[in-house]
Amino acid sequence: MKNTKQQLLDELKARIEKDDPTPELREGATRLVFGDGSASAEVVFIGEAPGKNEDLQGKPFVGAAGKFLDEMLGMIGLARKDIYITNIVKYRPPNNRDPEPEEKKAFLPYLQSQLEIIQPKVVVTLGRHSMNCFLPDLQISKVHGEPKRVKLSLKKHADDVLEVVILPLFHPAAALYNGGMRQTLIDDFSLIPAILKKIKD
């Protein structure tokens, strides 16, 4: 089978560049930051949008927040190569502002396609923007660290759904400025192996 998951992801990346969903964002960014990691990952992490370091290197989560994320992955025995990581919005917003609702909406179908290709068991949302794409009515301060089983409708067939567990977490960047939140994030992060085990049992 030649059409591997990685090939499908590469094709999707090329499609985003061709479709150009957010010309204004693209003009202000250095490059598209598509995603990084294993195309067969059981766990996909989704952030909000690339920042300055990501924009320069073309990879998500490579700044200070990314280092903290790598640290937490190490604590649960995982590395970048074992997981997949991406953002909702694939171009850096000017001055690292929050992504606008229209920008998130423009990129959502591509994010869904990424999940459709990878077929993860757990989707870890990092920050409220990411969580609200999947769990629009919840507040992150109330539900962080609480796994939620959801069915995502896939575009290929109307009755085709991808069942995943969404684990909402605070954004690692927030924890860098707030010591108490740092420990909360580490505690929530440590639930991932048990959630995976439970899904497989």
N, C-alpha and C. Protein backbone atom coordinates (compact mmCIF):
# COMPACT_ATOMS: atom_id res chain seq x y z
N MET A 1 0.85 -1.19 0.00
CA MET A 1 0.00 0.00 0.00
C MET A 1 0.89 1.24 0.00
N LYS A 2 0.89 1.93 -1.11
CA LYS A 2 1.83 3.05 -1.27
C LYS A 2 1.34 4.30 -0.53
N ASN A 3 0.02 4.43 -0.45
CA ASN A 3 -0.50 5.66 0.14
C ASN A 3 -0.44 5.61 1.67
N THR A 4 0.72 5.88 2.21
CA THR A 4 0.88 5.80 3.65
C THR A 4 0.28 7.04 4.31
N LYS A 5 0.13 6.94 5.63
CA LYS A 5 -0.42 8.08 6.38
C LYS A 5 0.45 9.31 6.19
N GLN A 6 1.76 9.10 6.19
CA GLN A 6 2.66 10.24 6.03
C GLN A 6 2.47 10.91 4.66
N GLN A 7 2.28 10.08 3.63
CA GLN A 7 2.04 10.64 2.29
C GLN A 7 0.75 11.45 2.28
N LEU A 8 -0.27 10.90 2.93
CA LEU A 8 -1.56 11.60 2.97
C LEU A 8 -1.42 12.94 3.70
N LEU A 9 -0.61 12.95 4.76
CA LEU A 9 -0.37 14.20 5.48
C LEU A 9 0.38 15.20 4.60
N ASP A 10 1.37 14.69 3.86
CA ASP A 10 2.13 15.56 2.95
C ASP A 10 1.21 16.18 1.88
N GLU A 11 0.29 15.34 1.39
CA GLU A 11 -0.67 15.83 0.38
C GLU A 11 -1.59 16.90 0.97
N LEU A 12 -1.99 16.66 2.22
CA LEU A 12 -2.87 17.62 2.89
C LEU A 12 -2.14 18.95 3.09
N LYS A 13 -0.87 18.88 3.46
CA LYS A 13 -0.08 20.10 3.64
C LYS A 13 -0.02 20.89 2.32
N ALA A 14 0.23 20.16 1.23
CA ALA A 14 0.29 20.81 -0.08
C ALA A 14 -1.06 21.43 -0.45
N ARG A 15 -2.13 20.76 -0.03
CA ARG A 15 -3.47 21.26 -0.34
C ARG A 15 -3.75 22.57 0.40
N ILE A 16 -3.30 22.65 1.65
CA ILE A 16 -3.51 23.90 2.41
C ILE A 16 -2.78 25.04 1.70
N GLU A 17 -1.54 24.76 1.26
CA GLU A 17 -0.76 25.81 0.60
C GLU A 17 -1.45 26.27 -0.70
N LYS A 18 -2.06 25.31 -1.37
CA LYS A 18 -2.75 25.61 -2.62
C LYS A 18 -4.07 26.36 -2.37
N ASP A 19 -4.84 25.87 -1.37
CA ASP A 19 -6.14 26.49 -1.07
C ASP A 19 -6.00 27.89 -0.48
N ASP A 20 -4.92 28.12 0.24
CA ASP A 20 -4.64 29.42 0.86
C ASP A 20 -5.83 29.95 1.66
N PRO A 21 -6.22 29.25 2.74
CA PRO A 21 -7.45 29.62 3.46
C PRO A 21 -7.39 31.00 4.15
N THR A 22 -6.18 31.45 4.51
CA THR A 22 -6.07 32.75 5.20
C THR A 22 -4.93 33.57 4.59
N PRO A 23 -5.17 34.22 3.43
CA PRO A 23 -4.11 34.95 2.74
C PRO A 23 -3.42 36.02 3.61
N GLU A 24 -4.21 36.70 4.47
CA GLU A 24 -3.61 37.77 5.29
C GLU A 24 -2.61 37.18 6.28
N LEU A 25 -3.00 36.05 6.90
CA LEU A 25 -2.07 35.41 7.84
C LEU A 25 -0.84 34.91 7.11
N ARG A 26 -1.05 34.31 5.96
CA ARG A 26 0.09 33.76 5.21
C ARG A 26 1.08 34.85 4.85
N GLU A 27 0.55 36.01 4.47
CA GLU A 27 1.43 37.11 4.07
C GLU A 27 2.33 37.57 5.20
N GLY A 28 1.81 37.51 6.41
CA GLY A 28 2.60 37.97 7.56
C GLY A 28 3.49 36.90 8.15
N ALA A 29 3.36 35.66 7.68
CA ALA A 29 4.12 34.55 8.26
C ALA A 29 5.29 34.16 7.36
N THR A 30 6.25 33.46 7.94
CA THR A 30 7.39 32.98 7.15
C THR A 30 7.01 31.74 6.35
N ARG A 31 6.28 30.84 7.01
CA ARG A 31 5.93 29.58 6.35
C ARG A 31 4.73 28.92 7.06
N LEU A 32 4.19 27.93 6.40
CA LEU A 32 3.12 27.12 6.99
C LEU A 32 3.74 26.20 8.04
N VAL A 33 3.12 26.15 9.22
CA VAL A 33 3.57 25.22 10.26
C VAL A 33 2.50 24.14 10.36
N PHE A 34 2.78 23.01 9.73
CA PHE A 34 1.73 22.01 9.52
C PHE A 34 1.57 21.06 10.71
N GLY A 35 2.64 20.45 11.11
CA GLY A 35 2.56 19.47 12.20
C GLY A 35 3.85 18.67 12.23
N ASP A 36 4.03 17.91 13.30
CA ASP A 36 5.29 17.20 13.46
C ASP A 36 5.07 15.95 14.31
N GLY A 37 5.82 14.90 14.00
CA GLY A 37 5.73 13.69 14.81
C GLY A 37 5.32 12.48 13.99
N SER A 38 4.79 11.49 14.69
CA SER A 38 4.45 10.22 14.05
C SER A 38 3.08 10.28 13.38
N ALA A 39 3.03 9.86 12.14
CA ALA A 39 1.75 9.84 11.41
C ALA A 39 0.83 8.74 11.92
N SER A 40 1.38 7.83 12.74
CA SER A 40 0.56 6.74 13.31
C SER A 40 0.39 6.91 14.81
N ALA A 41 0.53 8.12 15.29
CA ALA A 41 0.49 8.38 16.73
C ALA A 41 -0.87 8.02 17.34
N GLU A 42 -0.83 7.51 18.56
CA GLU A 42 -2.08 7.27 19.30
C GLU A 42 -2.54 8.53 20.02
N VAL A 43 -1.59 9.44 20.23
CA VAL A 43 -1.92 10.70 20.92
C VAL A 43 -1.55 11.87 20.02
N VAL A 44 -2.52 12.75 19.79
CA VAL A 44 -2.28 13.97 19.02
C VAL A 44 -2.49 15.17 19.95
N PHE A 45 -1.51 16.07 19.97
CA PHE A 45 -1.60 17.31 20.74
C PHE A 45 -1.95 18.45 19.80
N ILE A 46 -2.91 19.27 20.22
CA ILE A 46 -3.33 20.38 19.35
C ILE A 46 -3.24 21.69 20.13
N GLY A 47 -2.39 22.58 19.63
CA GLY A 47 -2.27 23.91 20.21
C GLY A 47 -3.12 24.90 19.43
N GLU A 48 -2.80 26.18 19.58
CA GLU A 48 -3.67 27.22 19.00
C GLU A 48 -3.15 27.72 17.66
N ALA A 49 -1.93 28.27 17.68
CA ALA A 49 -1.34 28.81 16.45
C ALA A 49 0.17 28.90 16.67
N PRO A 50 0.94 28.91 15.59
CA PRO A 50 2.40 29.01 15.75
C PRO A 50 2.82 30.36 16.33
N GLY A 51 3.91 30.35 17.07
CA GLY A 51 4.51 31.60 17.55
C GLY A 51 5.75 31.91 16.73
N LYS A 52 6.57 32.79 17.25
CA LYS A 52 7.74 33.27 16.51
C LYS A 52 8.72 32.13 16.18
N ASN A 53 9.09 31.32 17.18
CA ASN A 53 10.05 30.24 16.94
C ASN A 53 9.51 29.21 15.95
N GLU A 54 8.22 28.90 16.11
CA GLU A 54 7.58 27.92 15.22
C GLU A 54 7.58 28.42 13.78
N ASP A 55 7.29 29.69 13.64
CA ASP A 55 7.23 30.32 12.32
C ASP A 55 8.61 30.25 11.64
N LEU A 56 9.66 30.44 12.42
CA LEU A 56 11.01 30.41 11.86
C LEU A 56 11.46 28.99 11.52
N GLN A 57 11.11 28.03 12.40
CA GLN A 57 11.60 26.66 12.20
C GLN A 57 10.64 25.76 11.43
N GLY A 58 9.38 26.21 11.33
CA GLY A 58 8.39 25.40 10.60
C GLY A 58 7.89 24.20 11.36
N LYS A 59 8.12 24.19 12.68
CA LYS A 59 7.62 23.07 13.51
C LYS A 59 6.85 23.63 14.69
N PRO A 60 5.79 22.92 15.10
CA PRO A 60 5.02 23.42 16.25
C PRO A 60 5.76 23.17 17.57
N PHE A 61 5.53 24.06 18.51
CA PHE A 61 6.03 23.90 19.89
C PHE A 61 7.54 23.68 19.95
N VAL A 62 8.29 24.66 19.46
CA VAL A 62 9.75 24.57 19.55
C VAL A 62 10.34 25.65 20.46
N GLY A 63 9.51 26.53 20.99
CA GLY A 63 9.99 27.57 21.91
C GLY A 63 10.02 27.06 23.34
N ALA A 64 9.91 27.99 24.29
CA ALA A 64 9.97 27.63 25.72
C ALA A 64 8.82 26.68 26.10
N ALA A 65 7.62 26.95 25.56
CA ALA A 65 6.48 26.08 25.87
C ALA A 65 6.72 24.68 25.33
N GLY A 66 7.37 24.61 24.17
CA GLY A 66 7.68 23.31 23.58
C GLY A 66 8.67 22.51 24.40
N LYS A 67 9.64 23.22 24.98
CA LYS A 67 10.63 22.54 25.85
C LYS A 67 9.93 21.94 27.06
N PHE A 68 9.00 22.71 27.62
CA PHE A 68 8.23 22.23 28.77
C PHE A 68 7.39 21.01 28.36
N LEU A 69 6.81 21.09 27.18
CA LEU A 69 6.02 19.97 26.67
C LEU A 69 6.89 18.71 26.53
N ASP A 70 8.09 18.89 25.97
CA ASP A 70 9.02 17.76 25.83
C ASP A 70 9.37 17.16 27.18
N GLU A 71 9.54 18.04 28.16
CA GLU A 71 9.86 17.61 29.53
C GLU A 71 8.74 16.73 30.07
N MET A 72 7.49 17.18 29.88
CA MET A 72 6.34 16.43 30.38
C MET A 72 6.17 15.10 29.63
N LEU A 73 6.45 15.11 28.33
CA LEU A 73 6.39 13.86 27.57
C LEU A 73 7.38 12.86 28.17
N GLY A 74 8.58 13.36 28.47
CA GLY A 74 9.60 12.50 29.08
C GLY A 74 9.14 11.89 30.39
N MET A 75 8.37 12.66 31.16
CA MET A 75 7.88 12.18 32.46
C MET A 75 6.94 10.98 32.30
N ILE A 76 6.26 10.90 31.15
CA ILE A 76 5.33 9.77 30.95
C ILE A 76 5.90 8.75 29.95
N GLY A 77 7.20 8.88 29.71
CA GLY A 77 7.87 7.86 28.88
C GLY A 77 7.60 7.99 27.39
N LEU A 78 7.27 9.20 26.94
CA LEU A 78 7.04 9.41 25.50
C LEU A 78 8.03 10.45 24.98
N ALA A 79 8.24 10.43 23.67
CA ALA A 79 9.08 11.44 23.03
C ALA A 79 8.30 12.02 21.86
N ARG A 80 8.83 13.08 21.27
CA ARG A 80 8.17 13.71 20.12
C ARG A 80 7.86 12.72 19.01
N LYS A 81 8.78 11.80 18.79
CA LYS A 81 8.60 10.86 17.67
C LYS A 81 7.43 9.91 17.90
N ASP A 82 6.95 9.79 19.15
CA ASP A 82 5.86 8.86 19.47
C ASP A 82 4.49 9.51 19.31
N ILE A 83 4.47 10.83 19.29
CA ILE A 83 3.18 11.54 19.27
C ILE A 83 3.12 12.39 18.00
N TYR A 84 1.98 13.05 17.81
CA TYR A 84 1.88 14.01 16.71
C TYR A 84 1.42 15.31 17.32
N ILE A 85 1.97 16.41 16.83
CA ILE A 85 1.61 17.70 17.40
C ILE A 85 1.35 18.71 16.29
N THR A 86 0.29 19.47 16.47
CA THR A 86 -0.08 20.46 15.46
C THR A 86 -0.81 21.61 16.15
N ASN A 87 -1.23 22.58 15.38
CA ASN A 87 -2.05 23.69 15.88
C ASN A 87 -3.32 23.77 15.05
N ILE A 88 -4.33 24.45 15.58
CA ILE A 88 -5.54 24.65 14.78
C ILE A 88 -5.17 25.51 13.57
N VAL A 89 -4.63 26.70 13.87
CA VAL A 89 -4.24 27.64 12.82
C VAL A 89 -2.79 27.36 12.44
N LYS A 90 -2.52 27.28 11.15
CA LYS A 90 -1.20 26.82 10.69
C LYS A 90 -0.23 27.95 10.31
N TYR A 91 -0.69 29.20 10.36
CA TYR A 91 0.22 30.33 10.12
C TYR A 91 0.27 31.19 11.38
N ARG A 92 1.42 31.79 11.63
CA ARG A 92 1.56 32.62 12.82
C ARG A 92 0.75 33.91 12.71
N PRO A 93 -0.14 34.18 13.68
CA PRO A 93 -0.84 35.47 13.67
C PRO A 93 0.14 36.60 14.01
N PRO A 94 -0.09 37.81 13.46
CA PRO A 94 0.83 38.91 13.72
C PRO A 94 0.97 39.20 15.22
N ASN A 95 2.20 39.45 15.64
CA ASN A 95 2.51 39.77 17.05
C ASN A 95 2.00 38.72 18.04
N ASN A 96 1.90 37.48 17.56
CA ASN A 96 1.45 36.37 18.42
C ASN A 96 0.07 36.60 19.05
N ARG A 97 -0.77 37.39 18.38
CA ARG A 97 -2.13 37.57 18.92
C ARG A 97 -2.89 36.25 18.85
N ASP A 98 -4.00 36.18 19.60
CA ASP A 98 -4.85 34.99 19.55
C ASP A 98 -5.44 34.84 18.15
N PRO A 99 -5.63 33.60 17.71
CA PRO A 99 -6.29 33.43 16.41
C PRO A 99 -7.74 33.93 16.46
N GLU A 100 -8.18 34.58 15.38
CA GLU A 100 -9.57 35.06 15.29
C GLU A 100 -10.50 33.88 15.02
N PRO A 101 -11.79 34.01 15.40
CA PRO A 101 -12.75 32.92 15.14
C PRO A 101 -12.78 32.50 13.66
N GLU A 102 -12.72 33.49 12.73
CA GLU A 102 -12.78 33.14 11.29
C GLU A 102 -11.53 32.35 10.88
N GLU A 103 -10.40 32.69 11.49
CA GLU A 103 -9.16 31.99 11.15
C GLU A 103 -9.22 30.53 11.61
N LYS A 104 -9.75 30.36 12.80
CA LYS A 104 -9.88 28.97 13.31
C LYS A 104 -10.84 28.19 12.43
N LYS A 105 -11.93 28.85 12.06
CA LYS A 105 -12.94 28.20 11.22
C LYS A 105 -12.35 27.80 9.86
N ALA A 106 -11.50 28.67 9.32
CA ALA A 106 -10.89 28.40 8.01
C ALA A 106 -9.99 27.16 8.05
N PHE A 107 -9.35 26.94 9.20
CA PHE A 107 -8.40 25.82 9.29
C PHE A 107 -9.02 24.54 9.85
N LEU A 108 -10.20 24.64 10.42
CA LEU A 108 -10.80 23.47 11.08
C LEU A 108 -10.94 22.25 10.17
N PRO A 109 -11.40 22.42 8.91
CA PRO A 109 -11.54 21.24 8.04
C PRO A 109 -10.20 20.52 7.83
N TYR A 110 -9.11 21.28 7.79
CA TYR A 110 -7.79 20.66 7.57
C TYR A 110 -7.34 19.92 8.84
N LEU A 111 -7.69 20.50 9.98
CA LEU A 111 -7.37 19.83 11.25
C LEU A 111 -8.13 18.51 11.33
N GLN A 112 -9.40 18.56 10.93
CA GLN A 112 -10.19 17.34 10.92
C GLN A 112 -9.58 16.30 9.99
N SER A 113 -9.11 16.75 8.84
CA SER A 113 -8.46 15.82 7.90
C SER A 113 -7.20 15.21 8.51
N GLN A 114 -6.45 16.02 9.23
CA GLN A 114 -5.25 15.49 9.90
C GLN A 114 -5.63 14.36 10.85
N LEU A 115 -6.68 14.61 11.64
CA LEU A 115 -7.12 13.59 12.61
C LEU A 115 -7.67 12.36 11.89
N GLU A 116 -8.34 12.59 10.79
CA GLU A 116 -8.91 11.51 9.99
C GLU A 116 -7.80 10.59 9.46
N ILE A 117 -6.69 11.20 9.06
CA ILE A 117 -5.57 10.42 8.52
C ILE A 117 -4.86 9.66 9.65
N ILE A 118 -4.59 10.37 10.74
CA ILE A 118 -3.79 9.77 11.83
C ILE A 118 -4.60 8.76 12.65
N GLN A 119 -5.88 9.03 12.84
CA GLN A 119 -6.77 8.17 13.63
C GLN A 119 -6.24 7.95 15.05
N PRO A 120 -6.02 9.03 15.79
CA PRO A 120 -5.50 8.86 17.16
C PRO A 120 -6.57 8.31 18.10
N LYS A 121 -6.13 7.84 19.25
CA LYS A 121 -7.07 7.39 20.29
C LYS A 121 -7.38 8.54 21.25
N VAL A 122 -6.37 9.37 21.47
CA VAL A 122 -6.52 10.49 22.40
C VAL A 122 -6.11 11.79 21.71
N VAL A 123 -6.93 12.82 21.87
CA VAL A 123 -6.58 14.15 21.38
C VAL A 123 -6.42 15.05 22.60
N VAL A 124 -5.20 15.55 22.80
CA VAL A 124 -4.94 16.44 23.93
C VAL A 124 -4.98 17.88 23.42
N THR A 125 -5.96 18.64 23.92
CA THR A 125 -6.06 20.03 23.48
C THR A 125 -5.25 20.89 24.46
N LEU A 126 -4.44 21.80 23.91
CA LEU A 126 -3.59 22.65 24.74
C LEU A 126 -4.12 24.08 24.68
N GLY A 127 -4.78 24.48 25.75
CA GLY A 127 -5.34 25.84 25.80
C GLY A 127 -6.81 25.87 25.41
N ARG A 128 -7.45 27.00 25.72
CA ARG A 128 -8.91 27.07 25.55
C ARG A 128 -9.34 27.13 24.09
N HIS A 129 -8.54 27.80 23.24
CA HIS A 129 -8.94 27.89 21.82
C HIS A 129 -9.05 26.50 21.22
N SER A 130 -8.07 25.69 21.51
CA SER A 130 -8.04 24.34 20.98
C SER A 130 -9.19 23.51 21.56
N MET A 131 -9.38 23.60 22.87
CA MET A 131 -10.47 22.85 23.50
C MET A 131 -11.82 23.25 22.91
N ASN A 132 -12.02 24.56 22.71
CA ASN A 132 -13.33 25.03 22.25
C ASN A 132 -13.69 24.57 20.84
N CYS A 133 -12.71 24.14 20.07
CA CYS A 133 -13.00 23.57 18.75
C CYS A 133 -13.77 22.26 18.88
N PHE A 134 -13.50 21.55 19.96
CA PHE A 134 -14.11 20.23 20.14
C PHE A 134 -15.18 20.24 21.23
N LEU A 135 -14.97 21.06 22.23
CA LEU A 135 -15.90 21.12 23.38
C LEU A 135 -16.28 22.59 23.57
N PRO A 136 -17.13 23.11 22.67
CA PRO A 136 -17.35 24.56 22.63
C PRO A 136 -17.99 25.16 23.87
N ASP A 137 -18.72 24.36 24.65
CA ASP A 137 -19.49 24.97 25.75
C ASP A 137 -18.82 24.85 27.11
N LEU A 138 -17.57 24.39 27.13
CA LEU A 138 -16.95 24.13 28.42
C LEU A 138 -15.88 25.18 28.74
N GLN A 139 -15.63 25.32 30.04
CA GLN A 139 -14.58 26.24 30.49
C GLN A 139 -13.36 25.44 30.90
N ILE A 140 -12.22 25.80 30.39
CA ILE A 140 -11.01 25.01 30.65
C ILE A 140 -10.66 24.98 32.14
N SER A 141 -10.95 26.06 32.85
CA SER A 141 -10.61 26.09 34.28
C SER A 141 -11.41 25.04 35.06
N LYS A 142 -12.57 24.63 34.50
CA LYS A 142 -13.41 23.65 35.19
C LYS A 142 -13.15 22.22 34.72
N VAL A 143 -12.76 22.04 33.46
CA VAL A 143 -12.70 20.67 32.93
C VAL A 143 -11.29 20.18 32.59
N HIS A 144 -10.26 21.01 32.87
CA HIS A 144 -8.91 20.55 32.53
C HIS A 144 -8.62 19.22 33.23
N GLY A 145 -7.97 18.33 32.50
CA GLY A 145 -7.60 17.03 33.08
C GLY A 145 -8.75 16.03 33.15
N GLU A 146 -9.92 16.40 32.61
CA GLU A 146 -11.06 15.46 32.61
C GLU A 146 -11.26 14.92 31.20
N PRO A 147 -10.97 13.63 30.99
CA PRO A 147 -11.14 13.08 29.64
C PRO A 147 -12.61 13.07 29.22
N LYS A 148 -12.86 13.43 27.97
CA LYS A 148 -14.24 13.44 27.43
C LYS A 148 -14.25 12.59 26.17
N ARG A 149 -15.14 11.63 26.12
CA ARG A 149 -15.26 10.80 24.92
C ARG A 149 -16.15 11.51 23.91
N VAL A 150 -15.65 11.73 22.72
CA VAL A 150 -16.46 12.42 21.71
C VAL A 150 -16.41 11.66 20.39
N LYS A 151 -17.43 11.91 19.58
CA LYS A 151 -17.44 11.35 18.23
C LYS A 151 -17.28 12.51 17.26
N LEU A 152 -16.25 12.43 16.45
CA LEU A 152 -16.04 13.47 15.44
C LEU A 152 -16.58 12.97 14.11
N SER A 153 -17.44 13.77 13.51
CA SER A 153 -17.96 13.38 12.19
C SER A 153 -16.86 13.57 11.15
N LEU A 154 -16.69 12.58 10.33
CA LEU A 154 -15.67 12.69 9.29
C LEU A 154 -16.32 13.05 7.97
N LYS A 155 -15.55 13.72 7.14
CA LYS A 155 -16.15 14.27 5.93
C LYS A 155 -16.39 13.23 4.83
N LYS A 156 -15.59 12.17 4.83
CA LYS A 156 -15.68 11.24 3.70
C LYS A 156 -17.06 10.59 3.59
N HIS A 157 -17.58 10.14 4.74
CA HIS A 157 -18.92 9.54 4.74
C HIS A 157 -19.68 10.16 5.90
N ALA A 158 -20.90 10.52 5.64
CA ALA A 158 -21.69 11.21 6.67
C ALA A 158 -21.81 10.37 7.94
N ASP A 159 -21.90 9.05 7.79
CA ASP A 159 -22.09 8.20 8.98
C ASP A 159 -20.75 7.70 9.54
N ASP A 160 -19.66 8.21 9.00
CA ASP A 160 -18.35 7.79 9.43
C ASP A 160 -17.90 8.69 10.59
N VAL A 161 -17.64 8.10 11.74
CA VAL A 161 -17.20 8.92 12.87
C VAL A 161 -15.90 8.38 13.43
N LEU A 162 -15.14 9.28 13.99
CA LEU A 162 -13.90 8.90 14.66
C LEU A 162 -14.15 9.11 16.14
N GLU A 163 -14.10 8.02 16.91
CA GLU A 163 -14.30 8.15 18.35
C GLU A 163 -12.97 8.41 19.01
N VAL A 164 -12.88 9.51 19.69
CA VAL A 164 -11.63 9.82 20.39
C VAL A 164 -11.94 10.29 21.81
N VAL A 165 -10.91 10.24 22.63
CA VAL A 165 -11.02 10.84 23.96
C VAL A 165 -10.29 12.17 23.89
N ILE A 166 -11.01 13.23 24.23
CA ILE A 166 -10.40 14.56 24.27
C ILE A 166 -9.95 14.81 25.72
N LEU A 167 -8.70 15.20 25.88
CA LEU A 167 -8.21 15.56 27.20
C LEU A 167 -7.82 17.04 27.17
N PRO A 168 -8.65 17.90 27.77
CA PRO A 168 -8.33 19.34 27.74
C PRO A 168 -7.26 19.67 28.78
N LEU A 169 -6.20 20.32 28.34
CA LEU A 169 -5.14 20.76 29.25
C LEU A 169 -4.92 22.26 29.09
N PHE A 170 -4.38 22.87 30.13
CA PHE A 170 -3.95 24.26 30.00
C PHE A 170 -2.81 24.31 28.98
N HIS A 171 -2.62 25.46 28.39
CA HIS A 171 -1.52 25.62 27.43
C HIS A 171 -0.20 25.68 28.19
N PRO A 172 0.83 24.94 27.71
CA PRO A 172 2.11 24.97 28.42
C PRO A 172 2.68 26.39 28.59
N ALA A 173 2.37 27.29 27.65
CA ALA A 173 2.88 28.66 27.76
C ALA A 173 2.34 29.33 29.03
N ALA A 174 1.07 29.05 29.36
CA ALA A 174 0.47 29.66 30.56
C ALA A 174 1.21 29.21 31.81
N ALA A 175 1.63 27.95 31.82
CA ALA A 175 2.30 27.40 32.99
C ALA A 175 3.70 27.98 33.20
N LEU A 176 4.27 28.52 32.13
CA LEU A 176 5.61 29.10 32.25
C LEU A 176 5.59 30.35 33.12
N TYR A 177 4.44 31.02 33.16
CA TYR A 177 4.35 32.26 33.92
C TYR A 177 3.63 32.05 35.25
N ASN A 178 3.20 30.85 35.52
CA ASN A 178 2.37 30.61 36.70
C ASN A 178 2.78 29.27 37.32
N GLY A 179 3.51 29.35 38.41
CA GLY A 179 4.06 28.14 39.05
C GLY A 179 3.00 27.12 39.44
N GLY A 180 1.87 27.60 39.98
CA GLY A 180 0.81 26.69 40.42
C GLY A 180 0.22 25.93 39.24
N MET A 181 0.06 26.65 38.14
CA MET A 181 -0.51 26.02 36.95
C MET A 181 0.45 24.98 36.38
N ARG A 182 1.74 25.23 36.56
CA ARG A 182 2.75 24.29 36.07
C ARG A 182 2.53 22.90 36.68
N GLN A 183 2.31 22.88 38.00
CA GLN A 183 2.11 21.58 38.66
C GLN A 183 0.79 20.96 38.22
N THR A 184 -0.24 21.79 38.06
CA THR A 184 -1.55 21.29 37.59
C THR A 184 -1.38 20.62 36.23
N LEU A 185 -0.63 21.26 35.35
CA LEU A 185 -0.43 20.73 34.00
C LEU A 185 0.34 19.41 34.06
N ILE A 186 1.36 19.35 34.90
CA ILE A 186 2.13 18.10 35.04
C ILE A 186 1.21 16.98 35.56
N ASP A 187 0.37 17.31 36.55
CA ASP A 187 -0.55 16.31 37.10
C ASP A 187 -1.54 15.82 36.04
N ASP A 188 -2.11 16.78 35.29
CA ASP A 188 -3.07 16.41 34.24
C ASP A 188 -2.39 15.57 33.16
N PHE A 189 -1.18 15.96 32.82
CA PHE A 189 -0.42 15.27 31.77
C PHE A 189 -0.16 13.82 32.15
N SER A 190 0.06 13.60 33.45
CA SER A 190 0.40 12.25 33.91
C SER A 190 -0.76 11.26 33.77
N LEU A 191 -1.95 11.77 33.43
CA LEU A 191 -3.12 10.89 33.24
C LEU A 191 -3.09 10.19 31.89
N ILE A 192 -2.30 10.71 30.95
CA ILE A 192 -2.35 10.21 29.56
C ILE A 192 -2.11 8.70 29.46
N PRO A 193 -1.06 8.15 30.10
CA PRO A 193 -0.84 6.69 29.97
C PRO A 193 -2.03 5.85 30.45
N ALA A 194 -2.65 6.26 31.56
CA ALA A 194 -3.79 5.51 32.11
C ALA A 194 -4.99 5.60 31.16
N ILE A 195 -5.18 6.76 30.55
CA ILE A 195 -6.30 6.92 29.59
C ILE A 195 -6.08 5.99 28.40
N LEU A 196 -4.86 5.98 27.88
CA LEU A 196 -4.54 5.10 26.75
C LEU A 196 -4.77 3.64 27.10
N LYS A 197 -4.32 3.27 28.29
CA LYS A 197 -4.45 1.87 28.73
C LYS A 197 -5.92 1.49 28.82
N LYS A 198 -6.72 2.39 29.37
CA LYS A 198 -8.15 2.13 29.54
C LYS A 198 -8.84 1.94 28.19
N ILE A 199 -8.45 2.75 27.21
CA ILE A 199 -9.06 2.67 25.87
C ILE A 199 -8.72 1.30 25.25
N LYS A 200 -7.52 0.84 25.50
CA LYS A 200 -7.07 -0.41 24.87
C LYS A 200 -7.61 -1.65 25.57
N ASP A 201 -7.90 -1.54 26.86
CA ASP A 201 -8.37 -2.73 27.61
C ASP A 201 -9.75 -3.19 27.16
